[in-house]
C-alpha atoms as a PDB file:
ATOM      1  CA  UNK A   1      51.627-140.198-113.177  1.00  0.00           C
ATOM      2  CA  UNK A   2      54.513-142.307-111.833  1.00  0.00           C
ATOM      3  CA  UNK A   3      53.996-146.068-112.029  1.00  0.00           C
ATOM      4  CA  UNK A   4      54.938-147.808-108.855  1.00  0.00           C
ATOM      5  CA  UNK A   5      57.149-150.871-109.038  1.00  0.00           C
ATOM      6  CA  UNK A   6      55.312-153.923-107.758  1.00  0.00           C
ATOM      7  CA  UNK A   7      56.489-155.117-104.334  1.00  0.00           C
ATOM      8  CA  UNK A   8      58.530-158.300-104.523  1.00  0.00           C
ATOM      9  CA  UNK A   9      60.053-160.645-102.070  1.00  0.00           C
ATOM     10  CA  UNK A  10      63.044-162.862-102.926  1.00  0.00           C
ATOM     11  CA  UNK A  11      63.379-166.075-100.993  1.00  0.00           C
ATOM     12  CA  UNK A  12      66.556-168.189-101.305  1.00  0.00           C
ATOM     13  CA  UNK A  13      66.596-171.518 -99.470  1.00  0.00           C
ATOM     14  CA  UNK A  14      64.947-171.025 -96.129  1.00  0.00           C
ATOM     15  CA  UNK A  15      66.523-167.624 -95.495  1.00  0.00           C
ATOM     16  CA  UNK A  16      64.412-164.678 -94.515  1.00  0.00           C
ATOM     17  CA  UNK A  17      62.624-163.004 -97.494  1.00  0.00           C
ATOM     18  CA  UNK A  18      64.352-159.929 -98.981  1.00  0.00           C
ATOM     19  CA  UNK A  19      61.772-157.175 -99.720  1.00  0.00           C
ATOM     20  CA  UNK A  20      61.984-155.321-103.011  1.00  0.00           C
ATOM     21  CA  UNK A  21      65.281-156.823-104.099  1.00  0.00           C
ATOM     22  CA  UNK A  22      67.321-155.216-106.850  1.00  0.00           C
ATOM     23  CA  UNK A  23      67.449-156.967-110.176  1.00  0.00           C
ATOM     24  CA  UNK A  24      71.167-157.601-109.643  1.00  0.00           C
ATOM     25  CA  UNK A  25      70.311-159.546-106.379  1.00  0.00           C
ATOM     26  CA  UNK A  26      67.631-161.588-108.092  1.00  0.00           C
ATOM     27  CA  UNK A  27      69.960-162.374-111.036  1.00  0.00           C
ATOM     28  CA  UNK A  28      72.771-163.472-108.646  1.00  0.00           C
ATOM     29  CA  UNK A  29      70.373-165.720-106.776  1.00  0.00           C
ATOM     30  CA  UNK A  30      69.121-167.401-109.991  1.00  0.00           C
ATOM     31  CA  UNK A  31      72.768-167.957-111.163  1.00  0.00           C
ATOM     32  CA  UNK A  32      73.370-169.819-107.865  1.00  0.00           C
ATOM     33  CA  UNK A  33      70.448-172.246-108.176  1.00  0.00           C
ATOM     34  CA  UNK A  34      71.532-175.679-107.037  1.00  0.00           C
ATOM     35  CA  UNK A  35      70.053-178.668-105.075  1.00  0.00           C
ATOM     36  CA  UNK A  36      68.905-177.284-101.677  1.00  0.00           C
ATOM     37  CA  UNK A  37      69.260-173.677-102.903  1.00  0.00           C
ATOM     38  CA  UNK A  38      65.904-172.910-104.552  1.00  0.00           C
ATOM     39  CA  UNK A  39      64.974-169.380-105.562  1.00  0.00           C
ATOM     40  CA  UNK A  40      61.493-167.885-105.267  1.00  0.00           C
ATOM     41  CA  UNK A  41      60.425-164.475-106.511  1.00  0.00           C
ATOM     42  CA  UNK A  42      57.013-163.485-105.031  1.00  0.00           C
ATOM     43  CA  UNK A  43      54.870-160.519-106.098  1.00  0.00           C
ATOM     44  CA  UNK A  44      52.642-158.662-103.695  1.00  0.00           C
ATOM     45  CA  UNK A  45      49.598-160.369-105.265  1.00  0.00           C
ATOM     46  CA  UNK A  46      51.179-163.733-104.250  1.00  0.00           C
ATOM     47  CA  UNK A  47      51.876-164.858-107.814  1.00  0.00           C
ATOM     48  CA  UNK A  48      55.432-166.264-107.874  1.00  0.00           C
ATOM     49  CA  UNK A  49      57.943-168.267-109.816  1.00  0.00           C
ATOM     50  CA  UNK A  50      60.363-170.796-108.288  1.00  0.00           C
ATOM     51  CA  UNK A  51      63.530-172.405-109.646  1.00  0.00           C
ATOM     52  CA  UNK A  52      64.833-175.716-108.326  1.00  0.00           C
ATOM     53  CA  UNK A  53      67.490-178.151-109.378  1.00  0.00           C
ATOM     54  CA  UNK A  54      71.158-178.063-110.410  1.00  0.00           C
ATOM     55  CA  UNK A  55      72.835-174.810-111.399  1.00  0.00           C
ATOM     56  CA  UNK A  56      73.214-175.813-115.006  1.00  0.00           C
ATOM     57  CA  UNK A  57      69.959-177.765-115.306  1.00  0.00           C
ATOM     58  CA  UNK A  58      67.016-176.509-113.287  1.00  0.00           C
ATOM     59  CA  UNK A  59      63.260-176.150-113.765  1.00  0.00           C
ATOM     60  CA  UNK A  60      61.123-173.062-113.178  1.00  0.00           C
ATOM     61  CA  UNK A  61      57.420-173.214-112.119  1.00  0.00           C
ATOM     62  CA  UNK A  62      54.829-170.486-111.967  1.00  0.00           C
ATOM     63  CA  UNK A  63      52.071-170.233-109.291  1.00  0.00           C
ATOM     64  CA  UNK A  64      49.148-168.037-109.985  1.00  0.00           C
ATOM     65  CA  UNK A  65      48.369-168.005-106.233  1.00  0.00           C
ATOM     66  CA  UNK A  66      49.840-169.567-103.102  1.00  0.00           C
ATOM     67  CA  UNK A  67      47.375-172.491-103.442  1.00  0.00           C
ATOM     68  CA  UNK A  68      47.237-172.899-107.212  1.00  0.00           C
ATOM     69  CA  UNK A  69      48.908-175.929-108.961  1.00  0.00           C
ATOM     70  CA  UNK A  70      52.316-175.278-110.429  1.00  0.00           C
ATOM     71  CA  UNK A  71      52.668-174.511-114.159  1.00  0.00           C
ATOM     72  CA  UNK A  72      55.931-175.553-115.723  1.00  0.00           C
ATOM     73  CA  UNK A  73      57.634-172.709-117.558  1.00  0.00           C
ATOM     74  CA  UNK A  74      59.323-173.839-120.735  1.00  0.00           C
ATOM     75  CA  UNK A  75      60.612-172.752-124.065  1.00  0.00           C
ATOM     76  CA  UNK A  76      58.411-172.733-127.155  1.00  0.00           C
ATOM     77  CA  UNK A  77      58.742-175.645-129.553  1.00  0.00           C
ATOM     78  CA  UNK A  78      61.699-175.147-131.842  1.00  0.00           C
ATOM     79  CA  UNK A  79      63.679-173.552-129.009  1.00  0.00           C
ATOM     80  CA  UNK A  80      66.799-174.715-127.336  1.00  0.00           C
ATOM     81  CA  UNK A  81      66.409-178.212-125.988  1.00  0.00           C
ATOM     82  CA  UNK A  82      68.345-179.903-123.280  1.00  0.00           C
ATOM     83  CA  UNK A  83      67.757-182.481-120.559  1.00  0.00           C
ATOM     84  CA  UNK A  84      65.720-185.705-120.498  1.00  0.00           C
ATOM     85  CA  UNK A  85      61.964-185.781-120.138  1.00  0.00           C
ATOM     86  CA  UNK A  86      60.188-187.758-117.489  1.00  0.00           C
ATOM     87  CA  UNK A  87      57.123-189.697-118.598  1.00  0.00           C
ATOM     88  CA  UNK A  88      54.269-190.923-116.480  1.00  0.00           C
ATOM     89  CA  UNK A  89      51.767-192.750-118.574  1.00  0.00           C
ATOM     90  CA  UNK A  90      50.623-190.176-121.187  1.00  0.00           C
ATOM     91  CA  UNK A  91      52.008-187.217-119.234  1.00  0.00           C
ATOM     92  CA  UNK A  92      55.311-185.483-119.877  1.00  0.00           C
ATOM     93  CA  UNK A  93      56.420-184.363-116.469  1.00  0.00           C
ATOM     94  CA  UNK A  94      59.529-182.493-117.568  1.00  0.00           C
ATOM     95  CA  UNK A  95      60.383-182.054-121.205  1.00  0.00           C
ATOM     96  CA  UNK A  96      63.740-181.015-122.757  1.00  0.00           C
ATOM     97  CA  UNK A  97      62.099-177.637-123.286  1.00  0.00           C
ATOM     98  CA  UNK A  98      61.770-177.089-119.554  1.00  0.00           C
ATOM     99  CA  UNK A  99      65.320-177.377-118.323  1.00  0.00           C
ATOM    100  CA  UNK A 100      67.171-174.073-117.928  1.00  0.00           C
ATOM    101  CA  UNK A 101      70.747-172.876-117.316  1.00  0.00           C
ATOM    102  CA  UNK A 102      71.859-169.269-117.489  1.00  0.00           C
ATOM    103  CA  UNK A 103      69.070-168.517-120.039  1.00  0.00           C
ATOM    104  CA  UNK A 104      66.502-169.084-117.269  1.00  0.00           C
ATOM    105  CA  UNK A 105      67.423-165.628-116.033  1.00  0.00           C
ATOM    106  CA  UNK A 106      65.288-164.262-118.853  1.00  0.00           C
ATOM    107  CA  UNK A 107      62.222-165.930-117.253  1.00  0.00           C
ATOM    108  CA  UNK A 108      62.928-164.219-113.960  1.00  0.00           C
ATOM    109  CA  UNK A 109      63.578-160.905-115.716  1.00  0.00           C
ATOM    110  CA  UNK A 110      60.257-161.035-117.493  1.00  0.00           C
ATOM    111  CA  UNK A 111      58.399-161.777-114.220  1.00  0.00           C
ATOM    112  CA  UNK A 112      60.343-159.111-112.354  1.00  0.00           C
ATOM    113  CA  UNK A 113      59.594-156.551-115.070  1.00  0.00           C
ATOM    114  CA  UNK A 114      55.864-157.398-115.030  1.00  0.00           C
ATOM    115  CA  UNK A 115      55.739-158.805-118.602  1.00  0.00           C
ATOM    116  CA  UNK A 116      53.213-161.594-119.176  1.00  0.00           C
ATOM    117  CA  UNK A 117      55.146-164.871-119.172  1.00  0.00           C
ATOM    118  CA  UNK A 118      53.066-166.165-122.121  1.00  0.00           C
ATOM    119  CA  UNK A 119      54.681-163.534-124.335  1.00  0.00           C
ATOM    120  CA  UNK A 120      57.952-165.384-124.443  1.00  0.00           C
ATOM    121  CA  UNK A 121      57.463-168.768-122.870  1.00  0.00           C
ATOM    122  CA  UNK A 122      55.046-171.661-122.627  1.00  0.00           C
ATOM    123  CA  UNK A 123      53.166-172.432-119.441  1.00  0.00           C
ATOM    124  CA  UNK A 124      52.174-176.086-119.197  1.00  0.00           C
ATOM    125  CA  UNK A 125      50.077-177.886-116.606  1.00  0.00           C
ATOM    126  CA  UNK A 126      52.071-181.040-115.700  1.00  0.00           C
ATOM    127  CA  UNK A 127      48.798-182.844-115.226  1.00  0.00           C
ATOM    128  CA  UNK A 128      47.984-182.606-118.963  1.00  0.00           C
ATOM    129  CA  UNK A 129      47.966-185.899-120.815  1.00  0.00           C
ATOM    130  CA  UNK A 130      49.436-186.085-124.328  1.00  0.00           C
ATOM    131  CA  UNK A 131      48.980-188.484-127.194  1.00  0.00           C
ATOM    132  CA  UNK A 132      51.807-190.818-128.135  1.00  0.00           C
ATOM    133  CA  UNK A 133      52.546-188.585-131.126  1.00  0.00           C
ATOM    134  CA  UNK A 134      52.771-185.452-129.032  1.00  0.00           C
ATOM    135  CA  UNK A 135      55.125-187.231-126.582  1.00  0.00           C
ATOM    136  CA  UNK A 136      57.345-188.357-129.482  1.00  0.00           C
ATOM    137  CA  UNK A 137      57.552-184.667-130.478  1.00  0.00           C
ATOM    138  CA  UNK A 138      58.918-183.818-127.034  1.00  0.00           C
ATOM    139  CA  UNK A 139      61.540-186.508-127.379  1.00  0.00           C
ATOM    140  CA  UNK A 140      62.823-185.515-130.849  1.00  0.00           C
ATOM    141  CA  UNK A 141      65.994-183.529-130.645  1.00  0.00           C
END
């Protein structure tokens, strides 16, 4: 039995979606992330990931459905850290673990290949509140 590749759509900026893009096209789009040039990879079931920000420092979010709240995709604790977190009360909006550069391509590759994102990355609801001690752990470099 031959397994069918899931149908994808690649959306860059406000351009028309590209159906079933090659991995090379997806990778090139992610390497070109910059302000005003977001990249969205959408599966047929409407789960999708989106990268926004500057080319060398962007964030990636995961949406389980078109209407679900975004989940920040980040590195596991102990991983590479870069960037400055944004705090709102007891919430860490963006931690150093959630800024990507070229290594963010691995997130898109995992999603493209149908691997569960939780295998290699953390998914965090930005509405989660943390204790002062947990917030300090995000700030330690």
